[in-house]
C-alpha atoms as a PDB file:
ATOM      1  CA  MET A   1    -127.237-101.793   9.209  1.00  0.00           C
ATOM      2  CA  SER A   2    -128.713-105.150   8.092  1.00  0.00           C
ATOM      3  CA  ALA A   3    -130.162-108.525   9.440  1.00  0.00           C
ATOM      4  CA  LYS A   4    -133.730-109.545   9.461  1.00  0.00           C
ATOM      5  CA  PRO A   5    -135.820-109.546  12.543  1.00  0.00           C
ATOM      6  CA  GLY A   6    -138.345-112.280  12.431  1.00  0.00           C
ATOM      7  CA  SER A   7    -138.824-115.959  13.044  1.00  0.00           C
ATOM      8  CA  PRO A   8    -135.276-117.476  12.890  1.00  0.00           C
ATOM      9  CA  ASP A   9    -135.197-120.618  10.410  1.00  0.00           C
ATOM     10  CA  PRO A  10    -132.411-123.013  11.944  1.00  0.00           C
ATOM     11  CA  ALA A  11    -132.460-125.178   8.632  1.00  0.00           C
ATOM     12  CA  ALA A  12    -132.211-121.770   6.560  1.00  0.00           C
ATOM     13  CA  PRO A  13    -128.238-121.216   5.296  1.00  0.00           C
ATOM     14  CA  ALA A  14    -126.664-119.026   7.769  1.00  0.00           C
ATOM     15  CA  ARG A  15    -126.399-115.519   6.630  1.00  0.00           C
ATOM     16  CA  GLN A  16    -124.580-112.738   7.192  1.00  0.00           C
ATOM     17  CA  ALA A  17    -126.440-109.646   8.366  1.00  0.00           C
ATOM     18  CA  GLY A  18    -125.851-105.908   7.893  1.00  0.00           C
ATOM     19  CA  ARG A  19    -128.457-103.168   7.991  1.00  0.00           C
ATOM     20  CA  VAL A  20    -130.943-104.810  10.431  1.00  0.00           C
ATOM     21  CA  ALA A  21    -133.880-104.685   8.314  1.00  0.00           C
ATOM     22  CA  PRO A  22    -137.600-106.217   8.289  1.00  0.00           C
ATOM     23  CA  THR A  23    -138.446-109.320   6.828  1.00  0.00           C
ATOM     24  CA  HIS A  24    -140.094-109.145   3.514  1.00  0.00           C
ATOM     25  CA  HIS A  25    -142.083-112.099   1.862  1.00  0.00           C
ATOM     26  CA  ALA A  26    -139.575-114.407   0.339  1.00  0.00           C
ATOM     27  CA  SER A  27    -140.171-117.539  -1.715  1.00  0.00           C
ATOM     28  CA  GLY A  28    -136.874-118.959  -1.752  1.00  0.00           C
ATOM     29  CA  VAL A  29    -133.947-118.745   0.678  1.00  0.00           C
ATOM     30  CA  GLY A  30    -130.225-120.038  -0.334  1.00  0.00           C
ATOM     31  CA  ARG A  31    -126.877-119.638  -1.467  1.00  0.00           C
ATOM     32  CA  ARG A  32    -126.180-118.766  -5.009  1.00  0.00           C
ATOM     33  CA  ASP A  33    -123.854-116.721  -7.335  1.00  0.00           C
ATOM     34  CA  VAL A  34    -125.342-113.331  -8.242  1.00  0.00           C
ATOM     35  CA  GLY A  35    -123.654-110.700 -10.135  1.00  0.00           C
ATOM     36  CA  ALA A  36    -122.993-107.027  -9.837  1.00  0.00           C
ATOM     37  CA  ALA A  37    -126.107-105.525 -11.637  1.00  0.00           C
ATOM     38  CA  GLU A  38    -128.629-108.447 -10.406  1.00  0.00           C
ATOM     39  CA  THR A  39    -127.429-107.497  -6.815  1.00  0.00           C
ATOM     40  CA  ALA A  40    -127.762-103.830  -7.246  1.00  0.00           C
ATOM     41  CA  ARG A  41    -131.310-104.223  -8.632  1.00  0.00           C
ATOM     42  CA  ALA A  42    -132.668-106.549  -5.630  1.00  0.00           C
ATOM     43  CA  ASN A  43    -131.283-104.796  -2.801  1.00  0.00           C
ATOM     44  CA  ARG A  44    -132.544-101.044  -4.389  1.00  0.00           C
ATOM     45  CA  SER A  45    -136.196-102.667  -4.664  1.00  0.00           C
ATOM     46  CA  TRP A  46    -135.773-104.163  -1.378  1.00  0.00           C
ATOM     47  CA  TRP A  47    -134.629-101.319   0.560  1.00  0.00           C
ATOM     48  CA  ASP A  48    -137.205 -98.954  -1.196  1.00  0.00           C
ATOM     49  CA  ALA A  49    -139.903-101.602  -0.074  1.00  0.00           C
ATOM     50  CA  GLY A  50    -138.732-102.060   3.418  1.00  0.00           C
ATOM     51  CA  ALA A  51    -138.101 -98.504   4.525  1.00  0.00           C
ATOM     52  CA  ASP A  52    -141.120 -97.760   6.319  1.00  0.00           C
ATOM     53  CA  ALA A  53    -141.008-100.912   8.361  1.00  0.00           C
ATOM     54  CA  TYR A  54    -137.251-100.457   8.871  1.00  0.00           C
ATOM     55  CA  GLN A  55    -137.320 -96.984  10.357  1.00  0.00           C
ATOM     56  CA  ALA A  56    -140.644 -97.832  12.269  1.00  0.00           C
ATOM     57  CA  GLU A  57    -138.854-100.583  14.361  1.00  0.00           C
ATOM     58  CA  HIS A  58    -135.347 -98.870  14.560  1.00  0.00           C
ATOM     59  CA  ALA A  59    -135.717 -95.069  14.628  1.00  0.00           C
ATOM     60  CA  ASP A  60    -135.912 -94.939  18.506  1.00  0.00           C
ATOM     61  CA  PHE A  61    -132.182 -96.847  18.505  1.00  0.00           C
ATOM     62  CA  LEU A  62    -130.692 -94.869  15.631  1.00  0.00           C
ATOM     63  CA  GLY A  63    -132.428 -91.663  16.179  1.00  0.00           C
ATOM     64  CA  GLY A  64    -135.475 -90.114  14.650  1.00  0.00           C
ATOM     65  CA  PRO A  65    -136.520 -86.554  13.750  1.00  0.00           C
ATOM     66  CA  ASP A  66    -136.186 -85.241  17.021  1.00  0.00           C
ATOM     67  CA  GLN A  67    -132.739 -86.618  17.770  1.00  0.00           C
ATOM     68  CA  ALA A  68    -129.524 -87.411  15.867  1.00  0.00           C
ATOM     69  CA  ARG A  69    -126.972 -90.033  16.570  1.00  0.00           C
ATOM     70  CA  PHE A  70    -124.180 -91.788  15.038  1.00  0.00           C
ATOM     71  CA  ILE A  71    -124.439 -95.514  15.887  1.00  0.00           C
ATOM     72  CA  TRP A  72    -121.981 -97.691  14.398  1.00  0.00           C
ATOM     73  CA  GLY A  73    -123.966-100.991  14.897  1.00  0.00           C
ATOM     74  CA  PRO A  74    -126.372-102.987  17.016  1.00  0.00           C
ATOM     75  CA  GLU A  75    -124.223-102.878  20.180  1.00  0.00           C
ATOM     76  CA  GLY A  76    -124.903 -99.328  20.418  1.00  0.00           C
ATOM     77  CA  LEU A  77    -121.017 -97.818  19.782  1.00  0.00           C
ATOM     78  CA  ASP A  78    -121.763 -94.076  19.663  1.00  0.00           C
ATOM     79  CA  GLU A  79    -119.330 -91.928  17.729  1.00  0.00           C
ATOM     80  CA  ALA A  80    -119.872 -89.337  20.125  1.00  0.00           C
ATOM     81  CA  LEU A  81    -117.882 -91.455  22.573  1.00  0.00           C
ATOM     82  CA  ALA A  82    -115.692 -93.570  20.241  1.00  0.00           C
ATOM     83  CA  GLN A  83    -114.525 -90.718  17.796  1.00  0.00           C
ATOM     84  CA  LEU A  84    -113.107 -93.159  15.165  1.00  0.00           C
ATOM     85  CA  LEU A  85    -113.539 -90.246  12.600  1.00  0.00           C
ATOM     86  CA  GLY A  86    -111.225 -88.113  14.820  1.00  0.00           C
ATOM     87  CA  PRO A  87    -112.090 -85.740  17.641  1.00  0.00           C
ATOM     88  CA  THR A  88    -115.588 -84.419  17.661  1.00  0.00           C
ATOM     89  CA  ALA A  89    -114.461 -80.948  18.043  1.00  0.00           C
ATOM     90  CA  GLU A  90    -112.529 -81.012  14.987  1.00  0.00           C
ATOM     91  CA  LEU A  91    -115.624 -82.150  12.769  1.00  0.00           C
ATOM     92  CA  ALA A  92    -116.815 -78.346  12.397  1.00  0.00           C
ATOM     93  CA  GLY A  93    -116.111 -77.266   8.592  1.00  0.00           C
ATOM     94  CA  ARG A  94    -115.277 -80.894   7.442  1.00  0.00           C
ATOM     95  CA  ARG A  95    -116.525 -82.285   4.336  1.00  0.00           C
ATOM     96  CA  VAL A  96    -117.830 -85.767   5.333  1.00  0.00           C
ATOM     97  CA  LEU A  97    -119.485 -88.325   2.882  1.00  0.00           C
ATOM     98  CA  GLU A  98    -121.635 -90.881   4.366  1.00  0.00           C
ATOM     99  CA  VAL A  99    -122.094 -93.985   2.086  1.00  0.00           C
ATOM    100  CA  GLY A 100    -125.175 -95.956   2.194  1.00  0.00           C
ATOM    101  CA  CYS A 101    -126.686 -93.132   4.722  1.00  0.00           C
ATOM    102  CA  GLY A 102    -130.176 -94.707   4.621  1.00  0.00           C
ATOM    103  CA  ALA A 103    -132.439 -92.223   6.582  1.00  0.00           C
ATOM    104  CA  ALA A 104    -129.013 -90.257   7.246  1.00  0.00           C
ATOM    105  CA  GLN A 105    -129.159 -90.338  10.927  1.00  0.00           C
ATOM    106  CA  CYS A 106    -125.215 -90.439  11.182  1.00  0.00           C
ATOM    107  CA  SER A 107    -125.100 -87.612   8.592  1.00  0.00           C
ATOM    108  CA  ARG A 108    -127.286 -85.495  10.541  1.00  0.00           C
ATOM    109  CA  TRP A 109    -125.224 -85.974  13.731  1.00  0.00           C
ATOM    110  CA  LEU A 110    -122.254 -85.129  11.834  1.00  0.00           C
ATOM    111  CA  ALA A 111    -124.117 -81.897  10.115  1.00  0.00           C
ATOM    112  CA  GLY A 112    -125.198 -81.149  14.000  1.00  0.00           C
ATOM    113  CA  GLN A 113    -121.513 -80.744  14.760  1.00  0.00           C
ATOM    114  CA  GLY A 114    -121.037 -78.621  11.936  1.00  0.00           C
ATOM    115  CA  ALA A 115    -119.660 -80.675   9.239  1.00  0.00           C
ATOM    116  CA  ASN A 116    -120.892 -80.291   5.745  1.00  0.00           C
ATOM    117  CA  VAL A 117    -121.979 -83.586   4.920  1.00  0.00           C
ATOM    118  CA  VAL A 118    -123.027 -85.633   1.500  1.00  0.00           C
ATOM    119  CA  GLY A 119    -125.210 -88.486   2.220  1.00  0.00           C
ATOM    120  CA  VAL A 120    -125.466 -91.403  -0.537  1.00  0.00           C
ATOM    121  CA  ASP A 121    -127.874 -94.137  -0.821  1.00  0.00           C
ATOM    122  CA  ILE A 122    -129.252 -96.600  -3.528  1.00  0.00           C
ATOM    123  CA  ALA A 123    -133.046 -96.374  -2.011  1.00  0.00           C
ATOM    124  CA  ALA A 124    -135.036 -93.468  -2.742  1.00  0.00           C
ATOM    125  CA  SER A 125    -137.467 -94.287  -0.103  1.00  0.00           C
ATOM    126  CA  GLN A 126    -134.593 -94.119   2.525  1.00  0.00           C
ATOM    127  CA  LEU A 127    -133.676 -90.926   1.462  1.00  0.00           C
ATOM    128  CA  GLY A 128    -137.121 -89.535   1.786  1.00  0.00           C
ATOM    129  CA  TYR A 129    -136.979 -90.237   5.432  1.00  0.00           C
ATOM    130  CA  ALA A 130    -133.572 -88.495   5.524  1.00  0.00           C
ATOM    131  CA  ARG A 131    -135.007 -85.546   3.877  1.00  0.00           C
ATOM    132  CA  ARG A 132    -138.151 -85.485   6.056  1.00  0.00           C
ATOM    133  CA  HIS A 133    -136.015 -85.839   9.147  1.00  0.00           C
ATOM    134  CA  SER A 134    -133.544 -83.250   8.005  1.00  0.00           C
ATOM    135  CA  THR A 135    -136.651 -80.633   7.870  1.00  0.00           C
ATOM    136  CA  PRO A 136    -138.982 -81.596  10.386  1.00  0.00           C
ATOM    137  CA  ALA A 137    -142.419 -80.374  10.748  1.00  0.00           C
ATOM    138  CA  GLN A 138    -142.458 -79.583  14.316  1.00  0.00           C
ATOM    139  CA  PRO A 139    -140.832 -76.121  15.322  1.00  0.00           C
ATOM    140  CA  GLN A 140    -137.217 -75.924  14.853  1.00  0.00           C
ATOM    141  CA  ALA A 141    -136.549 -75.616  18.584  1.00  0.00           C
ATOM    142  CA  GLN A 142    -137.550 -79.044  19.438  1.00  0.00           C
ATOM    143  CA  ALA A 143    -135.382 -80.509  16.145  1.00  0.00           C
ATOM    144  CA  PRO A 144    -131.701 -80.954  16.430  1.00  0.00           C
ATOM    145  CA  ALA A 145    -129.792 -77.957  14.871  1.00  0.00           C
ATOM    146  CA  LEU A 146    -127.798 -78.851  11.856  1.00  0.00           C
ATOM    147  CA  THR A 147    -125.179 -76.162  12.061  1.00  0.00           C
ATOM    148  CA  GLY A 148    -123.384 -77.770   8.885  1.00  0.00           C
ATOM    149  CA  ARG A 149    -124.800 -78.370   5.748  1.00  0.00           C
ATOM    150  CA  LEU A 150    -126.502 -81.916   4.555  1.00  0.00           C
ATOM    151  CA  ASP A 151    -126.750 -82.793   0.817  1.00  0.00           C
ATOM    152  CA  LEU A 152    -128.435 -86.140  -0.120  1.00  0.00           C
ATOM    153  CA  LEU A 153    -127.598 -88.229  -3.239  1.00  0.00           C
ATOM    154  CA  LEU A 154    -129.601 -91.005  -4.586  1.00  0.00           C
ATOM    155  CA  THR A 155    -126.705 -93.077  -6.271  1.00  0.00           C
ATOM    156  CA  ASP A 156    -125.175 -96.485  -6.483  1.00  0.00           C
ATOM    157  CA  ALA A 157    -121.929 -96.330  -4.181  1.00  0.00           C
ATOM    158  CA  ARG A 158    -119.972 -97.795  -6.810  1.00  0.00           C
ATOM    159  CA  THR A 159    -120.035 -94.694  -8.961  1.00  0.00           C
ATOM    160  CA  LEU A 160    -119.833 -91.662  -6.560  1.00  0.00           C
ATOM    161  CA  PRO A 161    -120.549 -88.425  -8.250  1.00  0.00           C
ATOM    162  CA  LEU A 162    -117.968 -86.454  -6.469  1.00  0.00           C
ATOM    163  CA  ALA A 163    -114.675 -84.897  -7.431  1.00  0.00           C
ATOM    164  CA  ALA A 164    -111.536 -86.697  -6.763  1.00  0.00           C
ATOM    165  CA  SER A 165    -109.936 -85.371  -3.650  1.00  0.00           C
ATOM    166  CA  SER A 166    -112.868 -83.456  -2.428  1.00  0.00           C
ATOM    167  CA  VAL A 167    -114.005 -84.708   0.782  1.00  0.00           C
ATOM    168  CA  ASP A 168    -111.981 -85.059   4.204  1.00  0.00           C
ATOM    169  CA  LEU A 169    -113.727 -87.800   5.822  1.00  0.00           C
ATOM    170  CA  ALA A 170    -116.085 -90.813   4.932  1.00  0.00           C
ATOM    171  CA  CYS A 171    -118.113 -93.274   7.052  1.00  0.00           C
ATOM    172  CA  SER A 172    -120.249 -96.197   6.480  1.00  0.00           C
ATOM    173  CA  ALA A 173    -122.396 -97.518   9.328  1.00  0.00           C
ATOM    174  CA  PHE A 174    -123.615-101.010   7.959  1.00  0.00           C
ATOM    175  CA  GLY A 175    -124.440 -99.150   4.822  1.00  0.00           C
ATOM    176  CA  ALA A 176    -123.649-100.335   1.159  1.00  0.00           C
ATOM    177  CA  LEU A 177    -120.386-102.546   1.506  1.00  0.00           C
ATOM    178  CA  SER A 178    -122.241-105.827   2.441  1.00  0.00           C
ATOM    179  CA  PHE A 179    -124.836-105.319  -0.321  1.00  0.00           C
ATOM    180  CA  VAL A 180    -122.725-105.182  -3.179  1.00  0.00           C
ATOM    181  CA  ALA A 181    -121.152-107.846  -5.282  1.00  0.00           C
ATOM    182  CA  ASP A 182    -117.985-105.711  -5.788  1.00  0.00           C
ATOM    183  CA  ALA A 183    -117.000-103.968  -2.465  1.00  0.00           C
ATOM    184  CA  ARG A 184    -113.566-103.412  -3.878  1.00  0.00           C
ATOM    185  CA  THR A 185    -115.070-101.051  -6.299  1.00  0.00           C
ATOM    186  CA  VAL A 186    -116.754 -98.905  -3.285  1.00  0.00           C
ATOM    187  CA  LEU A 187    -113.483 -98.681  -1.543  1.00  0.00           C
ATOM    188  CA  ARG A 188    -111.813 -97.354  -4.643  1.00  0.00           C
ATOM    189  CA  GLU A 189    -114.441 -94.679  -5.123  1.00  0.00           C
ATOM    190  CA  VAL A 190    -114.232 -93.856  -1.601  1.00  0.00           C
ATOM    191  CA  HIS A 191    -110.701 -93.916  -1.857  1.00  0.00           C
ATOM    192  CA  ARG A 192    -110.435 -91.580  -4.871  1.00  0.00           C
ATOM    193  CA  VAL A 193    -112.885 -88.925  -3.613  1.00  0.00           C
ATOM    194  CA  LEU A 194    -111.095 -88.520  -0.273  1.00  0.00           C
ATOM    195  CA  ARG A 195    -108.138 -86.054   0.022  1.00  0.00           C
ATOM    196  CA  PRO A 196    -104.953 -87.314   0.674  1.00  0.00           C
ATOM    197  CA  GLY A 197    -104.579 -87.664   4.576  1.00  0.00           C
ATOM    198  CA  GLY A 198    -108.580 -88.519   5.073  1.00  0.00           C
ATOM    199  CA  ARG A 199    -110.100 -91.050   7.015  1.00  0.00           C
ATOM    200  CA  PHE A 200    -112.741 -93.974   5.999  1.00  0.00           C
ATOM    201  CA  ALA A 201    -114.321 -95.739   8.744  1.00  0.00           C
ATOM    202  CA  PHE A 202    -117.117 -98.405   7.867  1.00  0.00           C
ATOM    203  CA  SER A 203    -118.935-100.948  10.116  1.00  0.00           C
ATOM    204  CA  ALA A 204    -120.132-104.144   8.689  1.00  0.00           C
ATOM    205  CA  SER A 205    -121.219-107.549  10.122  1.00  0.00           C
ATOM    206  CA  HIS A 206    -118.329-109.381  11.862  1.00  0.00           C
ATOM    207  CA  PRO A 207    -117.231-112.104   9.071  1.00  0.00           C
ATOM    208  CA  MET A 208    -117.167-114.895  11.831  1.00  0.00           C
ATOM    209  CA  ARG A 209    -120.917-114.507  11.759  1.00  0.00           C
ATOM    210  CA  TRP A 210    -121.348-115.811   8.481  1.00  0.00           C
ATOM    211  CA  ALA A 211    -120.689-119.513   9.762  1.00  0.00           C
ATOM    212  CA  PHE A 212    -123.542-119.348  12.401  1.00  0.00           C
ATOM    213  CA  PRO A 213    -127.325-119.388  11.982  1.00  0.00           C
ATOM    214  CA  ASP A 214    -129.191-116.043  11.898  1.00  0.00           C
ATOM    215  CA  ASP A 215    -131.209-116.873  15.335  1.00  0.00           C
ATOM    216  CA  PRO A 216    -130.441-114.608  18.424  1.00  0.00           C
ATOM    217  CA  GLY A 217    -130.838-117.842  20.541  1.00  0.00           C
ATOM    218  CA  PRO A 218    -129.049-120.719  21.620  1.00  0.00           C
ATOM    219  CA  ALA A 219    -129.181-122.403  17.774  1.00  0.00           C
ATOM    220  CA  GLY A 220    -127.266-119.368  16.885  1.00  0.00           C
ATOM    221  CA  LEU A 221    -124.212-120.492  18.705  1.00  0.00           C
ATOM    222  CA  THR A 222    -123.419-123.515  16.434  1.00  0.00           C
ATOM    223  CA  VAL A 223    -121.403-123.611  13.502  1.00  0.00           C
ATOM    224  CA  ALA A 224    -123.949-124.170  10.389  1.00  0.00           C
ATOM    225  CA  SER A 225    -121.804-123.606   7.394  1.00  0.00           C
ATOM    226  CA  SER A 226    -118.301-122.852   6.242  1.00  0.00           C
ATOM    227  CA  TYR A 227    -116.544-119.520   7.049  1.00  0.00           C
ATOM    228  CA  PHE A 228    -114.827-119.931   3.754  1.00  0.00           C
ATOM    229  CA  ASP A 229    -117.874-120.244   1.735  1.00  0.00           C
ATOM    230  CA  ARG A 230    -118.297-116.957   0.023  1.00  0.00           C
ATOM    231  CA  THR A 231    -121.405-117.710  -1.959  1.00  0.00           C
ATOM    232  CA  PRO A 232    -123.803-115.054  -1.585  1.00  0.00           C
ATOM    233  CA  TYR A 233    -126.987-115.217   0.564  1.00  0.00           C
ATOM    234  CA  VAL A 234    -130.239-114.926  -1.664  1.00  0.00           C
ATOM    235  CA  GLU A 235    -133.826-114.312  -1.127  1.00  0.00           C
ATOM    236  CA  THR A 236    -135.806-114.955  -4.410  1.00  0.00           C
ATOM    237  CA  ASP A 237    -139.553-113.828  -5.225  1.00  0.00           C
ATOM    238  CA  ASP A 238    -142.242-115.728  -6.601  1.00  0.00           C
ATOM    239  CA  ASP A 239    -140.763-115.426 -10.244  1.00  0.00           C
ATOM    240  CA  GLY A 240    -137.379-116.981  -8.853  1.00  0.00           C
ATOM    241  CA  GLN A 241    -135.658-113.464  -9.168  1.00  0.00           C
ATOM    242  CA  PRO A 242    -133.560-112.217  -6.420  1.00  0.00           C
ATOM    243  CA  SER A 243    -135.238-109.934  -3.884  1.00  0.00           C
ATOM    244  CA  TYR A 244    -132.160-109.256  -1.502  1.00  0.00           C
ATOM    245  CA  VAL A 245    -128.747-110.268  -1.551  1.00  0.00           C
ATOM    246  CA  GLU A 246    -125.675-110.124   1.204  1.00  0.00           C
ATOM    247  CA  HIS A 247    -122.190-110.982  -0.117  1.00  0.00           C
ATOM    248  CA  HIS A 248    -119.644-112.386   2.637  1.00  0.00           C
ATOM    249  CA  ARG A 249    -115.997-111.136   2.947  1.00  0.00           C
ATOM    250  CA  THR A 250    -113.615-113.023   5.161  1.00  0.00           C
ATOM    251  CA  PHE A 251    -111.498-110.925   7.637  1.00  0.00           C
ATOM    252  CA  GLY A 252    -108.573-111.545   5.054  1.00  0.00           C
ATOM    253  CA  ASP A 253    -110.757-110.296   2.067  1.00  0.00           C
ATOM    254  CA  TRP A 254    -111.509-107.252   3.706  1.00  0.00           C
ATOM    255  CA  VAL A 255    -108.122-106.221   4.933  1.00  0.00           C
ATOM    256  CA  ALA A 256    -106.874-107.245   1.423  1.00  0.00           C
ATOM    257  CA  GLY A 257    -109.556-105.097  -0.389  1.00  0.00           C
ATOM    258  CA  ILE A 258    -108.817-102.123   2.052  1.00  0.00           C
ATOM    259  CA  SER A 259    -105.040-102.377   1.086  1.00  0.00           C
ATOM    260  CA  ALA A 260    -105.930-102.982  -2.704  1.00  0.00           C
ATOM    261  CA  ALA A 261    -107.924 -99.921  -2.822  1.00  0.00           C
ATOM    262  CA  GLY A 262    -104.918 -97.750  -1.576  1.00  0.00           C
ATOM    263  CA  PHE A 263    -105.799 -97.418   2.230  1.00  0.00           C
ATOM    264  CA  ALA A 264    -103.635 -97.941   5.282  1.00  0.00           C
ATOM    265  CA  LEU A 265    -105.619-100.039   7.767  1.00  0.00           C
ATOM    266  CA  THR A 266    -105.189 -97.769  10.844  1.00  0.00           C
ATOM    267  CA  ASN A 267    -107.679 -99.849  13.195  1.00  0.00           C
ATOM    268  CA  VAL A 268    -110.387-102.465  13.822  1.00  0.00           C
ATOM    269  CA  VAL A 269    -112.605-102.181  16.393  1.00  0.00           C
ATOM    270  CA  GLU A 270    -114.800-105.049  17.581  1.00  0.00           C
ATOM    271  CA  PRO A 271    -117.651-103.700  20.015  1.00  0.00           C
ATOM    272  CA  GLU A 272    -118.260-105.635  22.993  1.00  0.00           C
ATOM    273  CA  TRP A 273    -122.061-105.913  23.828  1.00  0.00           C
ATOM    274  CA  PRO A 274    -122.434-103.693  26.795  1.00  0.00           C
ATOM    275  CA  ALA A 275    -123.569-104.408  30.035  1.00  0.00           C
ATOM    276  CA  GLY A 276    -127.469-103.498  30.637  1.00  0.00           C
ATOM    277  CA  HIS A 277    -128.080-103.430  26.966  1.00  0.00           C
ATOM    278  CA  THR A 278    -130.941-105.801  26.491  1.00  0.00           C
ATOM    279  CA  GLN A 279    -132.380-104.799  23.205  1.00  0.00           C
ATOM    280  CA  SER A 280    -132.147-107.411  20.328  1.00  0.00           C
ATOM    281  CA  TRP A 281    -131.798-106.681  16.883  1.00  0.00           C
ATOM    282  CA  GLY A 282    -132.400-109.492  14.657  1.00  0.00           C
ATOM    283  CA  ALA A 283    -130.072-112.125  15.281  1.00  0.00           C
ATOM    284  CA  TRP A 284    -127.937-109.749  17.374  1.00  0.00           C
ATOM    285  CA  SER A 285    -128.719-110.273  21.059  1.00  0.00           C
ATOM    286  CA  PRO A 286    -127.228-109.933  24.574  1.00  0.00           C
ATOM    287  CA  LEU A 287    -126.718-114.224  24.535  1.00  0.00           C
ATOM    288  CA  ARG A 288    -124.840-114.135  21.407  1.00  0.00           C
ATOM    289  CA  GLY A 289    -123.352-110.460  22.181  1.00  0.00           C
ATOM    290  CA  ARG A 290    -121.606-111.696  25.300  1.00  0.00           C
ATOM    291  CA  LEU A 291    -119.868-114.655  23.392  1.00  0.00           C
ATOM    292  CA  MET A 292    -118.850-113.682  19.994  1.00  0.00           C
ATOM    293  CA  PRO A 293    -118.545-110.145  18.109  1.00  0.00           C
ATOM    294  CA  GLY A 294    -121.309-108.996  15.890  1.00  0.00           C
ATOM    295  CA  THR A 295    -119.655-106.081  14.486  1.00  0.00           C
ATOM    296  CA  ALA A 296    -116.331-105.134  12.961  1.00  0.00           C
ATOM    297  CA  ILE A 297    -115.406-101.646  12.264  1.00  0.00           C
ATOM    298  CA  PHE A 298    -112.587-100.844   9.953  1.00  0.00           C
ATOM    299  CA  VAL A 299    -110.723 -97.505  10.195  1.00  0.00           C
ATOM    300  CA  CYS A 300    -108.518 -96.753   6.903  1.00  0.00           C
ATOM    301  CA  ASP A 301    -106.487 -93.842   6.442  1.00  0.00           C
ATOM    302  CA  LYS A 302    -105.576 -92.505   2.908  1.00  0.00           C
ATOM    303  CA  PRO A 303    -101.713 -91.756   2.850  1.00  0.00           C
ATOM    304  CA  ASP A 304    -100.975 -87.975   2.567  1.00  0.00           C
ATOM    305  CA  GLY A 305     -98.883 -87.507  -0.550  1.00  0.00           C
END
């Protein structure tokens, strides 16, 4: 998941937020075209540098070394209840891919249900947390039991090092798709490695959020830019080089990309902000969550045969 907590700047361009992350120093903020390689380089560096702060801030919500949770977004929708990948009781023995796994909280939950999981991420520091949390220092009796297998791979989601039709299910909870310039390449790669009849479910910032300032308060309720402006949100370092990039897709763009990759779009879930949930996450807040969707979850099936 990503939006950056910190002091919102109403004058800054409205940004799409994905894997909610800590604010780093940025010399410049704006919108401009950024290519695929430049995007990957910036976001790999950004997530590597921000892993410690991100995990310190969000581990309790997402699940730390002593608990494993599969949370789809800042609204707190839990896969244990939503079962968007299918019945939890049927996960045992399934091979599952998590794209953009970060510290692998979702992967650890899946492995705890008996699934054999491959988690991939572009940031080595995030995978470092995943490895440490998968083999915690405290006695095993105090840690969640992984009854399935968990393998972690450092790789770009655009080139998955997996064989065709080798996984039963795939998922991504605010993972790589908002942080690549060519999301259709990722969708095609996931389609390639899924077996016929397999399912891919992924969450991302709701597309309508792109038009609003990244502000959890009242200032974030007024449209500030065009929903149809697909120019990436870019932060730059002191040398003017991109240090963080997010790419916007409209709802139609996501549907078209899913279809072009060969998937059938089975369901779209727009989680409502639940009563009693008072924790803000960057620009996700109870105020905004009661009025507009912050997360979109796309459930996609690969046709059988």
